[in-house]
Amino acid sequence: MLNCDTYLMPESLGEALRMWSEAPDGSRLIAGATDILPWAREGRAGDVHIPTFVDVTRVAELQGYEIKDGRVRLGANVVYQDFLTDPELGRHLPCMPFCSIWFADDQIREQATLAGNVVNASPAADGTPPVLAMNGTVELARLEGWQTVRRELKLEDFLLGPGKTALQPNEIVTAVTCDSMLGYGGAFEKVGQRRSLVISVVCTAALVKLDRKGERFEDVRMTMGGIGPVPVRLEALEQSLTGQPATPDTIVRAAGSVGDIVNSRSRREYRGTVVKGFIERALENAVQDAQARATNLREVTHA
């Protein structure tokens, strides 16, 4: 059984920071809380006691999103279901709807936050490869005296390893900010031991922007998760495809040129086998998505 002494629900960031800074050692900060019960069951050694839960789901400053200056700022309480139901988010972050479809199930998507997925820093996390591909940053806040101090880290600087981040004591993640990928096509691929509620063995996110004719790669973003302690950006692949024809042959050649990028200590051979096929399929799907979006835009423009 999971139990606690105190359950707090602040309604402002200042209140949340104060409660979190005053919480006893061993306390937990939660939003969707979808990982709490699985985490508590991991040891399977009886009761798990938490001194204090600080639940930030009511904190006004952590709600919603803002699109400004080519960036999308996602409040820490934005949940995965939002990427499926909000058309504006789908247009600006085109790989996230595909990622969200794969994420758990309907009930969990309504609760689980992207920020929480990032903070957990699992090598198998679904949300971190897309955020990395979109030049994501993590916004953090803490109290110093009575002043709120903020800082922002690139995702690759925030994630230090499995379950390890640059989060300092008493800090709260307040937002995840990404490039707006308006005009890009997106894709997300994932494989695990089952289809429902699958925990990924390997996952990949792809984003492509095509030229006006839809024939060549103008920009490519591609990342992979589950092949090492943190997600990896395939920068050499991205550069090799830029300016090239957006054809299956080009994609197959590019995928074949990727060396052994698997840095995982388990199921290494299997992960290596999956990588090439995932690169091909994700890029092909992203190209198709980009072309479909361009067609829809033309139809709306001429309507």
Foldseek 3Di string as FASTA:
>chain_A
DEEEQEEAEDQAPLVLLVCQLPADPQAEEEELCPCVVVVQCVVVPDYDYHHYYYYHNNHPLQCDWDDDPQKIKHWQFQFLVCCVPPVVNCQQQVASNQLSVQAADDVSRVRHGLNVLLQQQALQRSNQQSCVLQQKKWKKWHDDPSDIDIDIGGSVQQRDFRRDGPDDRSMDTTIMMGGGLRLKFKHKDFDADDRHNGRGCKMKIKIFHAPPVLFATQWIWMWMGNLGRHIDTPVVLRVQRHGHTLDLVSQLVSLVPDDQPRPDPPPSVVVSVVRSVNSSVGSVNRSVRSVVVVVVVVVVVVD
